[in-house]
């Protein structure tokens, strides 16, 4: 496995997290959906940390995360 620099890793993480959140968009905090909702919360929290990266806007995080992926 080849090593990547931190920028490439963060860009990949952003893409994967946004894709996963798209798949989990319809899950709510209700009976039978708590595991998926927990995943959704964790992914939103990850994006909220990554958005502090100085290059976040130019790498796909140029929006309000909780508006796009409401919990």
Protein backbone atom coordinates (compact mmCIF):
# COMPACT_ATOMS: atom_id res chain seq x y z
CA UNK A 1 0.00 0.00 0.00
CA UNK A 2 1.42 3.36 -0.98
CA UNK A 3 1.52 6.22 1.49
CA UNK A 4 -0.42 9.38 0.76
CA UNK A 5 0.09 12.88 2.04
CA UNK A 6 -2.34 14.36 4.56
CA UNK A 7 -4.15 16.47 1.94
CA UNK A 8 -4.94 13.42 -0.16
CA UNK A 9 -6.11 11.48 2.89
CA UNK A 10 -8.42 14.30 3.98
CA UNK A 11 -9.85 14.72 0.46
CA UNK A 12 -10.60 10.99 0.35
CA UNK A 13 -12.19 11.10 3.80
CA UNK A 14 -14.42 14.02 2.78
CA UNK A 15 -15.63 12.13 -0.30
CA UNK A 16 -16.32 8.93 1.62
CA UNK A 17 -18.08 10.71 4.50
CA UNK A 18 -20.30 12.75 2.15
CA UNK A 19 -21.20 9.63 0.17
CA UNK A 20 -22.02 7.69 3.34
CA UNK A 21 -24.13 10.54 4.69
CA UNK A 22 -26.06 10.61 1.43
CA UNK A 23 -26.86 6.93 1.88
CA UNK A 24 -27.98 7.54 5.49
CA UNK A 25 -30.05 10.66 4.77
CA UNK A 26 -33.43 9.09 5.54
CA UNK A 27 -32.50 7.50 8.86
CA UNK A 28 -33.89 9.09 12.02
CA UNK A 29 -33.42 8.58 15.75
CA UNK A 30 -36.28 6.10 16.02
CA UNK A 31 -36.67 2.47 17.01
CA UNK A 32 -35.04 0.19 14.49
CA UNK A 33 -32.88 2.94 12.99
CA UNK A 34 -30.64 3.87 15.90
CA UNK A 35 -27.51 2.14 14.59
CA UNK A 36 -27.73 3.91 11.24
CA UNK A 37 -28.60 7.20 12.93
CA UNK A 38 -25.54 6.78 15.18
CA UNK A 39 -23.39 6.32 12.09
CA UNK A 40 -24.90 9.47 10.63
CA UNK A 41 -24.11 11.46 13.79
CA UNK A 42 -20.52 10.18 13.84
CA UNK A 43 -19.96 11.07 10.17
CA UNK A 44 -21.36 14.58 10.67
CA UNK A 45 -19.05 15.03 13.66
CA UNK A 46 -16.08 13.92 11.54
CA UNK A 47 -16.93 16.47 8.85
CA UNK A 48 -17.33 19.15 11.52
CA UNK A 49 -13.75 18.47 12.61
CA UNK A 50 -12.39 18.36 9.07
CA UNK A 51 -14.07 21.67 8.22
CA UNK A 52 -11.47 23.33 10.47
CA UNK A 53 -8.79 22.34 7.93
CA UNK A 54 -7.50 25.41 6.13
CA UNK A 55 -8.19 23.83 2.73
CA UNK A 56 -11.65 22.48 3.56
CA UNK A 57 -13.58 24.96 1.41
CA UNK A 58 -11.57 24.24 -1.71
CA UNK A 59 -11.90 20.49 -1.14
CA UNK A 60 -15.64 20.09 -1.00
CA UNK A 61 -16.64 21.44 2.41
CA UNK A 62 -17.80 24.88 1.35
CA UNK A 63 -21.26 24.53 2.92
CA UNK A 64 -22.90 24.37 6.35
CA UNK A 65 -22.69 20.70 7.30
CA UNK A 66 -25.76 20.61 9.54
CA UNK A 67 -27.87 22.32 6.88
CA UNK A 68 -26.88 19.77 4.24
CA UNK A 69 -26.92 16.77 6.59
CA UNK A 70 -29.48 17.58 9.33
CA UNK A 71 -29.62 15.34 12.38
